[in-house]
Amino acid sequence: MRSNQAELQARRAGTIASGAFTDTKITDPDPAQCGCGAASVRCRRYPRVLTAGGIVREWVLLGHVLFGIIWMGGSVYVEALTANAKRRPDPIALGVLFRDTSAMNQRLFSVTASLTIAFGFWLIFITSVRFEMLWIVVSILLVGASVTTDLFYAAPRSREALDIIYDKGAADPDAAVLIEQVITAGRLRSAVLLIVLFLMIFKPAF
């Protein structure tokens, strides 16, 4: 009984007094030991204690989720902007929008995609998630396909369309064809990111 009380006090103080603590896991006090009568794993009397490694894990997870939201949210927002421009009666509306937002979109997606992927791999190395898990493999393949499409399909056509717009104007038909191809690639990216989001949330075992 005395050893249990000492262990609980150590946990409340944030020190490691049990082998149940590791650098990357969060451990809650045992409800049976504290006597609070909690029916769940979470003890109501004593808050959970994060080790140094656990704090790092939480920050890495925050970075992965935050930049992933910006990446996916930005992609969906661009789709909404282009759809609105295509509905306008002005024939140059889409070309003007593409000219004004293309550079910002490329910087936004390249930075957020790189950080999301980097934090994601970091999480795999510091948690119990492993590359052998099928949902991880599928997610990596989908993200890789999306990034490859952006780099080798959408980006060259985007630059070519911008060159045409600056030379011949936003109403040029060749620029319109290239813009439509870039928009199609963007829709594919948004769909892939939504699938990856589903996999990350539900972690299906297939």
N, C-alpha and C. Protein backbone atom coordinates (compact mmCIF):
# COMPACT_ATOMS: atom_id res chain seq x y z
N MET A 1 0.84 -1.20 0.00
CA MET A 1 0.00 0.00 0.00
C MET A 1 0.86 1.24 0.00
N ARG A 2 1.91 1.26 0.84
CA ARG A 2 2.79 2.42 0.91
C ARG A 2 3.54 2.61 -0.39
N SER A 3 3.95 1.51 -1.04
CA SER A 3 4.66 1.63 -2.31
C SER A 3 3.74 2.19 -3.39
N ASN A 4 2.45 1.80 -3.33
CA ASN A 4 1.51 2.34 -4.31
C ASN A 4 1.32 3.83 -4.12
N GLN A 5 1.23 4.29 -2.88
CA GLN A 5 1.08 5.72 -2.61
C GLN A 5 2.32 6.48 -3.08
N ALA A 6 3.50 5.93 -2.85
CA ALA A 6 4.73 6.59 -3.29
C ALA A 6 4.77 6.69 -4.80
N GLU A 7 4.32 5.65 -5.48
CA GLU A 7 4.32 5.68 -6.94
C GLU A 7 3.36 6.72 -7.47
N LEU A 8 2.19 6.82 -6.83
CA LEU A 8 1.22 7.82 -7.27
C LEU A 8 1.73 9.23 -7.04
N GLN A 9 2.40 9.44 -5.91
CA GLN A 9 2.97 10.75 -5.64
C GLN A 9 4.05 11.10 -6.66
N ALA A 10 4.85 10.10 -7.03
CA ALA A 10 5.89 10.35 -8.03
C ALA A 10 5.27 10.68 -9.38
N ARG A 11 4.18 10.02 -9.69
CA ARG A 11 3.52 10.32 -10.96
C ARG A 11 2.93 11.71 -10.95
N ARG A 12 2.36 12.11 -9.84
CA ARG A 12 1.80 13.46 -9.76
C ARG A 12 2.90 14.50 -9.87
N ALA A 13 4.07 14.19 -9.38
CA ALA A 13 5.19 15.13 -9.45
C ALA A 13 5.85 15.12 -10.82
N GLY A 14 5.46 14.20 -11.69
CA GLY A 14 6.01 14.15 -13.03
C GLY A 14 7.29 13.35 -13.13
N THR A 15 7.59 12.54 -12.16
CA THR A 15 8.81 11.74 -12.20
C THR A 15 8.46 10.33 -12.62
N ILE A 16 9.46 9.60 -13.09
CA ILE A 16 9.27 8.22 -13.53
C ILE A 16 9.55 7.30 -12.35
N ALA A 17 8.49 6.66 -11.85
CA ALA A 17 8.65 5.77 -10.72
C ALA A 17 8.20 4.36 -11.04
N SER A 18 7.95 4.11 -12.31
CA SER A 18 7.46 2.79 -12.69
C SER A 18 8.00 2.43 -14.05
N GLY A 19 8.19 1.15 -14.28
CA GLY A 19 8.66 0.69 -15.57
C GLY A 19 7.60 0.85 -16.66
N ALA A 20 6.36 1.22 -16.27
CA ALA A 20 5.32 1.42 -17.26
C ALA A 20 5.57 2.66 -18.10
N PHE A 21 6.43 3.56 -17.62
CA PHE A 21 6.72 4.78 -18.35
C PHE A 21 7.80 4.52 -19.38
N THR A 22 7.61 5.08 -20.58
CA THR A 22 8.64 5.03 -21.61
C THR A 22 8.79 6.44 -22.18
N ASP A 23 9.77 6.62 -23.03
CA ASP A 23 10.03 7.95 -23.58
C ASP A 23 8.97 8.40 -24.56
N THR A 24 8.22 7.48 -25.12
CA THR A 24 7.29 7.86 -26.18
C THR A 24 5.85 7.50 -25.87
N LYS A 25 5.53 7.05 -24.70
CA LYS A 25 4.17 6.66 -24.39
C LYS A 25 3.61 7.49 -23.25
N ILE A 26 2.30 7.59 -23.21
CA ILE A 26 1.60 8.30 -22.15
C ILE A 26 1.00 7.26 -21.23
N THR A 27 1.24 7.38 -19.96
CA THR A 27 0.75 6.40 -19.00
C THR A 27 -0.13 7.09 -17.98
N ASP A 28 -1.31 6.57 -17.76
CA ASP A 28 -2.22 7.09 -16.75
C ASP A 28 -2.14 6.23 -15.49
N PRO A 29 -2.35 6.83 -14.31
CA PRO A 29 -2.38 6.04 -13.08
C PRO A 29 -3.48 4.99 -13.12
N ASP A 30 -3.26 3.91 -12.44
CA ASP A 30 -4.22 2.82 -12.40
C ASP A 30 -5.40 3.21 -11.51
N PRO A 31 -6.66 3.24 -12.02
CA PRO A 31 -7.80 3.60 -11.19
C PRO A 31 -7.95 2.71 -9.97
N ALA A 32 -7.56 1.43 -10.10
CA ALA A 32 -7.68 0.52 -8.96
C ALA A 32 -6.76 0.93 -7.82
N GLN A 33 -5.63 1.56 -8.15
CA GLN A 33 -4.69 1.97 -7.11
C GLN A 33 -5.09 3.27 -6.43
N CYS A 34 -5.65 4.21 -7.22
CA CYS A 34 -5.97 5.50 -6.61
C CYS A 34 -7.30 5.46 -5.87
N GLY A 35 -8.16 4.48 -6.17
CA GLY A 35 -9.40 4.34 -5.43
C GLY A 35 -10.49 5.31 -5.84
N CYS A 36 -10.38 5.93 -7.03
CA CYS A 36 -11.39 6.90 -7.43
C CYS A 36 -12.62 6.23 -8.03
N GLY A 37 -12.50 4.94 -8.35
CA GLY A 37 -13.64 4.22 -8.88
C GLY A 37 -13.91 4.47 -10.34
N ALA A 38 -12.93 4.98 -11.06
CA ALA A 38 -13.13 5.26 -12.48
C ALA A 38 -13.31 3.96 -13.24
N ALA A 39 -14.31 3.94 -14.10
CA ALA A 39 -14.57 2.73 -14.87
C ALA A 39 -13.69 2.64 -16.11
N SER A 40 -13.17 3.78 -16.58
CA SER A 40 -12.35 3.78 -17.78
C SER A 40 -10.89 3.71 -17.41
N VAL A 41 -10.05 3.66 -18.45
CA VAL A 41 -8.61 3.62 -18.22
C VAL A 41 -8.12 4.93 -17.64
N ARG A 42 -8.75 6.05 -18.00
CA ARG A 42 -8.34 7.36 -17.52
C ARG A 42 -8.74 7.53 -16.05
N CYS A 43 -7.81 7.86 -15.23
CA CYS A 43 -8.08 8.08 -13.81
C CYS A 43 -8.54 9.52 -13.61
N ARG A 44 -9.63 9.72 -12.89
CA ARG A 44 -10.18 11.06 -12.70
C ARG A 44 -9.43 11.85 -11.64
N ARG A 45 -8.79 11.19 -10.71
CA ARG A 45 -8.16 11.90 -9.61
C ARG A 45 -6.81 12.47 -9.99
N TYR A 46 -6.03 11.72 -10.75
CA TYR A 46 -4.68 12.15 -11.10
C TYR A 46 -4.59 12.39 -12.60
N PRO A 47 -4.18 13.56 -13.03
CA PRO A 47 -4.03 13.81 -14.47
C PRO A 47 -2.90 12.97 -15.04
N ARG A 48 -2.98 12.72 -16.36
CA ARG A 48 -1.95 11.92 -16.98
C ARG A 48 -0.62 12.68 -16.99
N VAL A 49 0.46 11.95 -16.97
CA VAL A 49 1.80 12.52 -16.90
C VAL A 49 2.51 12.27 -18.22
N LEU A 50 3.05 13.31 -18.81
CA LEU A 50 3.81 13.18 -20.04
C LEU A 50 5.30 13.17 -19.73
N THR A 51 6.00 12.21 -20.27
CA THR A 51 7.46 12.22 -20.16
C THR A 51 8.01 13.18 -21.21
N ALA A 52 9.32 13.40 -21.19
CA ALA A 52 9.95 14.29 -22.17
C ALA A 52 9.70 13.79 -23.59
N GLY A 53 9.85 12.47 -23.77
CA GLY A 53 9.60 11.91 -25.09
C GLY A 53 8.14 12.04 -25.50
N GLY A 54 7.24 11.93 -24.53
CA GLY A 54 5.82 12.09 -24.83
C GLY A 54 5.48 13.49 -25.27
N ILE A 55 6.13 14.48 -24.66
CA ILE A 55 5.91 15.87 -25.05
C ILE A 55 6.37 16.09 -26.48
N VAL A 56 7.53 15.55 -26.83
CA VAL A 56 8.02 15.66 -28.20
C VAL A 56 7.04 15.03 -29.16
N ARG A 57 6.52 13.85 -28.80
CA ARG A 57 5.55 13.17 -29.65
C ARG A 57 4.31 14.02 -29.88
N GLU A 58 3.83 14.67 -28.81
CA GLU A 58 2.64 15.50 -28.95
C GLU A 58 2.88 16.67 -29.89
N TRP A 59 4.05 17.31 -29.80
CA TRP A 59 4.37 18.44 -30.67
C TRP A 59 4.54 17.99 -32.12
N VAL A 60 5.17 16.83 -32.32
CA VAL A 60 5.33 16.31 -33.68
C VAL A 60 3.97 15.98 -34.28
N LEU A 61 3.10 15.39 -33.47
CA LEU A 61 1.74 15.08 -33.94
C LEU A 61 0.99 16.36 -34.30
N LEU A 62 1.15 17.40 -33.46
CA LEU A 62 0.50 18.68 -33.75
C LEU A 62 1.00 19.25 -35.08
N GLY A 63 2.32 19.21 -35.30
CA GLY A 63 2.85 19.71 -36.56
C GLY A 63 2.33 18.94 -37.75
N HIS A 64 2.28 17.62 -37.63
CA HIS A 64 1.79 16.78 -38.72
C HIS A 64 0.33 17.10 -39.05
N VAL A 65 -0.50 17.21 -38.02
CA VAL A 65 -1.92 17.48 -38.24
C VAL A 65 -2.13 18.90 -38.76
N LEU A 66 -1.43 19.88 -38.16
CA LEU A 66 -1.61 21.28 -38.54
C LEU A 66 -1.25 21.52 -40.00
N PHE A 67 -0.05 21.08 -40.40
CA PHE A 67 0.37 21.31 -41.78
C PHE A 67 -0.44 20.47 -42.76
N GLY A 68 -0.91 19.30 -42.31
CA GLY A 68 -1.79 18.51 -43.17
C GLY A 68 -3.11 19.21 -43.42
N ILE A 69 -3.65 19.85 -42.39
CA ILE A 69 -4.90 20.60 -42.55
C ILE A 69 -4.71 21.76 -43.51
N ILE A 70 -3.58 22.47 -43.37
CA ILE A 70 -3.32 23.60 -44.27
C ILE A 70 -3.16 23.12 -45.70
N TRP A 71 -2.47 22.00 -45.88
CA TRP A 71 -2.26 21.44 -47.21
C TRP A 71 -3.58 21.05 -47.85
N MET A 72 -4.37 20.26 -47.14
CA MET A 72 -5.64 19.79 -47.70
C MET A 72 -6.64 20.94 -47.80
N GLY A 73 -6.71 21.78 -46.76
CA GLY A 73 -7.64 22.90 -46.79
C GLY A 73 -7.33 23.88 -47.90
N GLY A 74 -6.04 24.15 -48.13
CA GLY A 74 -5.66 25.03 -49.21
C GLY A 74 -6.04 24.47 -50.57
N SER A 75 -5.87 23.18 -50.72
CA SER A 75 -6.23 22.53 -51.99
C SER A 75 -7.73 22.63 -52.24
N VAL A 76 -8.53 22.36 -51.23
CA VAL A 76 -9.99 22.44 -51.38
C VAL A 76 -10.42 23.89 -51.64
N TYR A 77 -9.76 24.85 -50.97
CA TYR A 77 -10.11 26.25 -51.16
C TYR A 77 -9.82 26.71 -52.59
N VAL A 78 -8.69 26.28 -53.14
CA VAL A 78 -8.36 26.62 -54.52
C VAL A 78 -9.39 26.03 -55.48
N GLU A 79 -9.86 24.81 -55.18
CA GLU A 79 -10.88 24.20 -56.02
C GLU A 79 -12.16 25.04 -55.99
N ALA A 80 -12.51 25.55 -54.84
CA ALA A 80 -13.71 26.39 -54.73
C ALA A 80 -13.54 27.69 -55.51
N LEU A 81 -12.35 28.30 -55.43
CA LEU A 81 -12.09 29.55 -56.16
C LEU A 81 -12.18 29.34 -57.67
N THR A 82 -11.58 28.26 -58.15
CA THR A 82 -11.61 28.01 -59.60
C THR A 82 -13.02 27.67 -60.09
N ALA A 83 -13.76 26.94 -59.28
CA ALA A 83 -15.14 26.62 -59.67
C ALA A 83 -15.97 27.90 -59.75
N ASN A 84 -15.75 28.81 -58.81
CA ASN A 84 -16.48 30.08 -58.85
C ASN A 84 -16.08 30.92 -60.07
N ALA A 85 -14.78 30.92 -60.41
CA ALA A 85 -14.32 31.68 -61.57
C ALA A 85 -14.87 31.12 -62.87
N LYS A 86 -15.00 29.79 -62.96
CA LYS A 86 -15.51 29.17 -64.19
C LYS A 86 -17.00 29.46 -64.40
N ARG A 87 -17.72 29.75 -63.32
CA ARG A 87 -19.14 30.06 -63.45
C ARG A 87 -19.39 31.51 -63.87
N ARG A 88 -18.38 32.35 -63.81
CA ARG A 88 -18.56 33.75 -64.17
C ARG A 88 -18.68 33.89 -65.70
N PRO A 89 -19.46 34.88 -66.13
CA PRO A 89 -19.58 35.11 -67.58
C PRO A 89 -18.33 35.70 -68.20
N ASP A 90 -17.45 36.28 -67.40
CA ASP A 90 -16.23 36.88 -67.92
C ASP A 90 -15.28 35.78 -68.39
N PRO A 91 -14.87 35.76 -69.66
CA PRO A 91 -14.02 34.67 -70.18
C PRO A 91 -12.60 34.68 -69.64
N ILE A 92 -12.16 35.81 -69.10
CA ILE A 92 -10.79 35.87 -68.60
C ILE A 92 -10.70 35.72 -67.08
N ALA A 93 -11.84 35.47 -66.44
CA ALA A 93 -11.85 35.41 -64.97
C ALA A 93 -10.95 34.29 -64.46
N LEU A 94 -11.04 33.12 -65.10
CA LEU A 94 -10.24 31.99 -64.65
C LEU A 94 -8.75 32.24 -64.88
N GLY A 95 -8.41 32.80 -66.03
CA GLY A 95 -7.01 33.10 -66.32
C GLY A 95 -6.42 34.13 -65.38
N VAL A 96 -7.21 35.15 -65.05
CA VAL A 96 -6.74 36.17 -64.11
C VAL A 96 -6.54 35.58 -62.72
N LEU A 97 -7.49 34.75 -62.28
CA LEU A 97 -7.35 34.10 -60.98
C LEU A 97 -6.11 33.22 -60.95
N PHE A 98 -5.91 32.46 -62.01
CA PHE A 98 -4.74 31.58 -62.08
C PHE A 98 -3.45 32.38 -62.04
N ARG A 99 -3.42 33.50 -62.78
CA ARG A 99 -2.22 34.34 -62.79
C ARG A 99 -1.93 34.92 -61.41
N ASP A 100 -2.97 35.33 -60.70
CA ASP A 100 -2.77 36.03 -59.43
C ASP A 100 -2.47 35.08 -58.26
N THR A 101 -2.88 33.82 -58.38
CA THR A 101 -2.73 32.90 -57.24
C THR A 101 -1.75 31.77 -57.47
N SER A 102 -1.26 31.60 -58.67
CA SER A 102 -0.43 30.43 -59.00
C SER A 102 0.84 30.37 -58.17
N ALA A 103 1.57 31.49 -58.11
CA ALA A 103 2.84 31.49 -57.37
C ALA A 103 2.62 31.20 -55.89
N MET A 104 1.59 31.82 -55.30
CA MET A 104 1.32 31.59 -53.89
C MET A 104 0.92 30.14 -53.64
N ASN A 105 0.10 29.58 -54.53
CA ASN A 105 -0.34 28.20 -54.37
C ASN A 105 0.84 27.23 -54.41
N GLN A 106 1.77 27.46 -55.32
CA GLN A 106 2.92 26.57 -55.42
C GLN A 106 3.78 26.62 -54.17
N ARG A 107 3.99 27.82 -53.65
CA ARG A 107 4.77 27.93 -52.40
C ARG A 107 4.03 27.29 -51.24
N LEU A 108 2.73 27.55 -51.15
CA LEU A 108 1.94 27.01 -50.04
C LEU A 108 1.96 25.49 -50.05
N PHE A 109 1.67 24.90 -51.21
CA PHE A 109 1.58 23.45 -51.27
C PHE A 109 2.94 22.78 -51.11
N SER A 110 3.98 23.39 -51.64
CA SER A 110 5.30 22.77 -51.52
C SER A 110 5.78 22.77 -50.07
N VAL A 111 5.58 23.88 -49.36
CA VAL A 111 6.03 23.98 -47.97
C VAL A 111 5.19 23.08 -47.06
N THR A 112 3.87 23.19 -47.16
CA THR A 112 3.01 22.40 -46.27
C THR A 112 3.12 20.91 -46.56
N ALA A 113 3.25 20.55 -47.83
CA ALA A 113 3.40 19.13 -48.17
C ALA A 113 4.70 18.58 -47.60
N SER A 114 5.78 19.33 -47.75
CA SER A 114 7.07 18.86 -47.23
C SER A 114 7.03 18.70 -45.72
N LEU A 115 6.46 19.67 -45.01
CA LEU A 115 6.41 19.59 -43.55
C LEU A 115 5.47 18.49 -43.08
N THR A 116 4.34 18.33 -43.74
CA THR A 116 3.42 17.25 -43.37
C THR A 116 4.07 15.89 -43.51
N ILE A 117 4.76 15.67 -44.61
CA ILE A 117 5.43 14.39 -44.85
C ILE A 117 6.57 14.19 -43.85
N ALA A 118 7.34 15.25 -43.58
CA ALA A 118 8.46 15.14 -42.65
C ALA A 118 7.98 14.79 -41.25
N PHE A 119 6.97 15.49 -40.77
CA PHE A 119 6.43 15.19 -39.43
C PHE A 119 5.79 13.81 -39.40
N GLY A 120 5.19 13.38 -40.50
CA GLY A 120 4.59 12.05 -40.55
C GLY A 120 5.61 10.95 -40.40
N PHE A 121 6.73 11.06 -41.12
CA PHE A 121 7.79 10.06 -40.97
C PHE A 121 8.41 10.11 -39.58
N TRP A 122 8.53 11.31 -39.04
CA TRP A 122 9.06 11.45 -37.67
C TRP A 122 8.17 10.71 -36.68
N LEU A 123 6.85 10.84 -36.84
CA LEU A 123 5.93 10.13 -35.95
C LEU A 123 6.11 8.63 -36.03
N ILE A 124 6.34 8.12 -37.24
CA ILE A 124 6.51 6.68 -37.39
C ILE A 124 7.73 6.20 -36.60
N PHE A 125 8.78 7.00 -36.59
CA PHE A 125 10.02 6.58 -35.92
C PHE A 125 9.95 6.70 -34.39
N ILE A 126 9.04 7.52 -33.86
CA ILE A 126 9.02 7.72 -32.40
C ILE A 126 7.77 7.12 -31.75
N THR A 127 6.91 6.46 -32.50
CA THR A 127 5.73 5.85 -31.92
C THR A 127 5.69 4.37 -32.28
N SER A 128 4.61 3.73 -31.88
CA SER A 128 4.46 2.29 -32.16
C SER A 128 3.99 2.02 -33.58
N VAL A 129 3.68 3.07 -34.34
CA VAL A 129 3.28 2.89 -35.74
C VAL A 129 4.47 2.39 -36.54
N ARG A 130 4.23 1.45 -37.43
CA ARG A 130 5.31 0.84 -38.21
C ARG A 130 4.98 0.87 -39.70
N PHE A 131 6.03 0.83 -40.51
CA PHE A 131 5.85 0.85 -41.95
C PHE A 131 5.13 -0.39 -42.45
N GLU A 132 5.14 -1.47 -41.66
CA GLU A 132 4.49 -2.70 -42.10
C GLU A 132 2.97 -2.61 -42.05
N MET A 133 2.42 -1.62 -41.35
CA MET A 133 0.98 -1.48 -41.27
C MET A 133 0.42 -1.06 -42.62
N LEU A 134 -0.62 -1.75 -43.08
CA LEU A 134 -1.10 -1.56 -44.44
C LEU A 134 -1.62 -0.15 -44.68
N TRP A 135 -2.30 0.44 -43.69
CA TRP A 135 -2.83 1.78 -43.89
C TRP A 135 -1.72 2.81 -44.01
N ILE A 136 -0.58 2.55 -43.36
CA ILE A 136 0.57 3.43 -43.52
C ILE A 136 1.15 3.30 -44.93
N VAL A 137 1.28 2.06 -45.40
CA VAL A 137 1.82 1.83 -46.74
C VAL A 137 0.93 2.49 -47.79
N VAL A 138 -0.39 2.30 -47.68
CA VAL A 138 -1.31 2.89 -48.65
C VAL A 138 -1.24 4.42 -48.60
N SER A 139 -1.19 4.98 -47.40
CA SER A 139 -1.11 6.44 -47.26
C SER A 139 0.16 6.98 -47.90
N ILE A 140 1.29 6.33 -47.66
CA ILE A 140 2.56 6.79 -48.24
C ILE A 140 2.51 6.71 -49.76
N LEU A 141 1.95 5.63 -50.30
CA LEU A 141 1.86 5.50 -51.75
C LEU A 141 0.96 6.57 -52.36
N LEU A 142 -0.17 6.86 -51.71
CA LEU A 142 -1.09 7.87 -52.22
C LEU A 142 -0.46 9.26 -52.18
N VAL A 143 0.18 9.59 -51.06
CA VAL A 143 0.83 10.89 -50.95
C VAL A 143 1.96 11.01 -51.96
N GLY A 144 2.73 9.93 -52.13
CA GLY A 144 3.80 9.94 -53.11
C GLY A 144 3.28 10.16 -54.52
N ALA A 145 2.16 9.53 -54.86
CA ALA A 145 1.57 9.72 -56.18
C ALA A 145 1.07 11.15 -56.36
N SER A 146 0.50 11.72 -55.31
CA SER A 146 0.01 13.09 -55.38
C SER A 146 1.15 14.08 -55.57
N VAL A 147 2.22 13.92 -54.80
CA VAL A 147 3.36 14.81 -54.91
C VAL A 147 4.03 14.68 -56.28
N THR A 148 4.16 13.44 -56.77
CA THR A 148 4.75 13.22 -58.09
C THR A 148 3.93 13.88 -59.18
N THR A 149 2.61 13.78 -59.07
CA THR A 149 1.73 14.42 -60.05
C THR A 149 1.90 15.93 -60.04
N ASP A 150 2.00 16.50 -58.85
CA ASP A 150 2.18 17.95 -58.74
C ASP A 150 3.51 18.39 -59.33
N LEU A 151 4.56 17.64 -59.04
CA LEU A 151 5.90 18.05 -59.47
C LEU A 151 6.11 17.90 -60.97
N PHE A 152 5.65 16.78 -61.52
CA PHE A 152 6.00 16.45 -62.90
C PHE A 152 4.85 16.63 -63.90
N TYR A 153 3.66 16.92 -63.40
CA TYR A 153 2.54 17.15 -64.31
C TYR A 153 1.96 18.55 -64.14
N ALA A 154 1.53 18.88 -62.93
CA ALA A 154 0.87 20.17 -62.71
C ALA A 154 1.83 21.35 -62.77
N ALA A 155 2.97 21.24 -62.11
CA ALA A 155 3.90 22.37 -62.04
C ALA A 155 4.41 22.81 -63.41
N PRO A 156 4.88 21.90 -64.30
CA PRO A 156 5.32 22.36 -65.62
C PRO A 156 4.21 23.03 -66.43
N ARG A 157 3.00 22.49 -66.36
CA ARG A 157 1.89 23.08 -67.09
C ARG A 157 1.48 24.42 -66.49
N SER A 158 1.62 24.53 -65.19
CA SER A 158 1.33 25.81 -64.56
C SER A 158 2.29 26.89 -65.02
N ARG A 159 3.57 26.57 -65.08
CA ARG A 159 4.56 27.54 -65.54
C ARG A 159 4.34 27.91 -67.01
N GLU A 160 3.99 26.91 -67.82
CA GLU A 160 3.75 27.17 -69.24
C GLU A 160 2.52 28.06 -69.43
N ALA A 161 1.48 27.78 -68.64
CA ALA A 161 0.27 28.60 -68.73
C ALA A 161 0.54 30.04 -68.32
N LEU A 162 1.34 30.22 -67.29
CA LEU A 162 1.68 31.58 -66.85
C LEU A 162 2.46 32.33 -67.94
N ASP A 163 3.39 31.64 -68.58
CA ASP A 163 4.15 32.28 -69.65
C ASP A 163 3.23 32.74 -70.78
N ILE A 164 2.26 31.90 -71.14
CA ILE A 164 1.32 32.25 -72.20
C ILE A 164 0.45 33.43 -71.78
N ILE A 165 -0.01 33.41 -70.53
CA ILE A 165 -0.87 34.50 -70.04
C ILE A 165 -0.13 35.82 -70.06
N TYR A 166 1.13 35.82 -69.63
CA TYR A 166 1.90 37.06 -69.63
C TYR A 166 2.22 37.54 -71.05
N ASP A 167 2.34 36.60 -71.98
CA ASP A 167 2.69 36.98 -73.35
C ASP A 167 1.46 37.35 -74.19
N LYS A 168 0.38 36.56 -74.05
CA LYS A 168 -0.77 36.71 -74.95
C LYS A 168 -2.05 37.12 -74.24
N GLY A 169 -2.04 37.13 -72.91
CA GLY A 169 -3.24 37.53 -72.20
C GLY A 169 -3.97 36.35 -71.59
N ALA A 170 -4.86 36.66 -70.65
CA ALA A 170 -5.57 35.62 -69.90
C ALA A 170 -6.63 34.90 -70.71
N ALA A 171 -7.03 35.45 -71.87
CA ALA A 171 -8.07 34.83 -72.68
C ALA A 171 -7.52 33.87 -73.73
N ASP A 172 -6.23 33.64 -73.77
CA ASP A 172 -5.65 32.77 -74.79
C ASP A 172 -6.16 31.33 -74.62
N PRO A 173 -6.60 30.68 -75.69
CA PRO A 173 -7.16 29.32 -75.57
C PRO A 173 -6.12 28.27 -75.15
N ASP A 174 -4.88 28.44 -75.56
CA ASP A 174 -3.85 27.48 -75.15
C ASP A 174 -3.64 27.53 -73.64
N ALA A 175 -3.66 28.73 -73.08
CA ALA A 175 -3.54 28.87 -71.63
C ALA A 175 -4.73 28.24 -70.93
N ALA A 176 -5.92 28.38 -71.52
CA ALA A 176 -7.12 27.80 -70.91
C ALA A 176 -7.03 26.28 -70.85
N VAL A 177 -6.48 25.66 -71.89
CA VAL A 177 -6.32 24.20 -71.90
C VAL A 177 -5.36 23.75 -70.80
N LEU A 178 -4.24 24.45 -70.68
CA LEU A 178 -3.26 24.11 -69.65
C LEU A 178 -3.83 24.33 -68.25
N ILE A 179 -4.56 25.42 -68.07
CA ILE A 179 -5.16 25.69 -66.76
C ILE A 179 -6.14 24.58 -66.39
N GLU A 180 -6.92 24.11 -67.36
CA GLU A 180 -7.86 23.03 -67.08
C GLU A 180 -7.13 21.76 -66.67
N GLN A 181 -6.00 21.49 -67.27
CA GLN A 181 -5.20 20.32 -66.88
C GLN A 181 -4.67 20.47 -65.45
N VAL A 182 -4.23 21.67 -65.10
CA VAL A 182 -3.75 21.91 -63.74
C VAL A 182 -4.90 21.77 -62.73
N ILE A 183 -6.07 22.26 -63.10
CA ILE A 183 -7.23 22.13 -62.22
C ILE A 183 -7.59 20.66 -62.00
N THR A 184 -7.52 19.86 -63.07
CA THR A 184 -7.80 18.42 -62.94
C THR A 184 -6.81 17.75 -61.99
N ALA A 185 -5.54 18.12 -62.10
CA ALA A 185 -4.53 17.58 -61.17
C ALA A 185 -4.82 18.02 -59.74
N GLY A 186 -5.31 19.24 -59.58
CA GLY A 186 -5.66 19.71 -58.24
C GLY A 186 -6.82 18.94 -57.64
N ARG A 187 -7.80 18.61 -58.47
CA ARG A 187 -8.92 17.80 -57.99
C ARG A 187 -8.45 16.41 -57.56
N LEU A 188 -7.55 15.85 -58.34
CA LEU A 188 -6.98 14.56 -57.97
C LEU A 188 -6.25 14.64 -56.64
N ARG A 189 -5.47 15.72 -56.44
CA ARG A 189 -4.77 15.90 -55.18
C ARG A 189 -5.73 16.00 -54.01
N SER A 190 -6.80 16.78 -54.17
CA SER A 190 -7.78 16.93 -53.09
C SER A 190 -8.42 15.59 -52.75
N ALA A 191 -8.77 14.80 -53.77
CA ALA A 191 -9.39 13.50 -53.52
C ALA A 191 -8.43 12.56 -52.80
N VAL A 192 -7.18 12.57 -53.22
CA VAL A 192 -6.17 11.71 -52.58
C VAL A 192 -5.98 12.11 -51.12
N LEU A 193 -5.91 13.40 -50.86
CA LEU A 193 -5.71 13.86 -49.49
C LEU A 193 -6.90 13.51 -48.61
N LEU A 194 -8.10 13.54 -49.15
CA LEU A 194 -9.27 13.15 -48.37
C LEU A 194 -9.23 11.66 -48.03
N ILE A 195 -8.77 10.84 -48.98
CA ILE A 195 -8.62 9.41 -48.71
C ILE A 195 -7.58 9.17 -47.64
N VAL A 196 -6.45 9.89 -47.73
CA VAL A 196 -5.39 9.74 -46.73
C VAL A 196 -5.90 10.19 -45.36
N LEU A 197 -6.69 11.26 -45.33
CA LEU A 197 -7.27 11.71 -44.06
C LEU A 197 -8.15 10.63 -43.45
N PHE A 198 -8.95 9.96 -44.27
CA PHE A 198 -9.78 8.85 -43.78
C PHE A 198 -8.90 7.75 -43.19
N LEU A 199 -7.82 7.40 -43.88
CA LEU A 199 -6.93 6.35 -43.39
C LEU A 199 -6.28 6.75 -42.07
N MET A 200 -5.88 8.02 -41.95
CA MET A 200 -5.23 8.48 -40.73
C MET A 200 -6.17 8.48 -39.53
N ILE A 201 -7.44 8.77 -39.78
CA ILE A 201 -8.42 8.84 -38.68
C ILE A 201 -8.85 7.45 -38.23
N PHE A 202 -9.23 6.61 -39.20
CA PHE A 202 -9.84 5.33 -38.86
C PHE A 202 -8.85 4.17 -38.82
N LYS A 203 -7.67 4.34 -39.46
CA LYS A 203 -6.62 3.31 -39.43
C LYS A 203 -7.17 1.92 -39.72
N PRO A 204 -7.81 1.72 -40.85
CA PRO A 204 -8.42 0.41 -41.13
C PRO A 204 -7.33 -0.66 -41.30
N ALA A 205 -7.66 -1.84 -40.84
CA ALA A 205 -6.72 -2.97 -40.96
C ALA A 205 -6.87 -3.72 -42.26
N PHE A 206 -7.91 -3.38 -43.05
CA PHE A 206 -8.22 -4.06 -44.29
C PHE A 206 -8.36 -5.56 -44.00
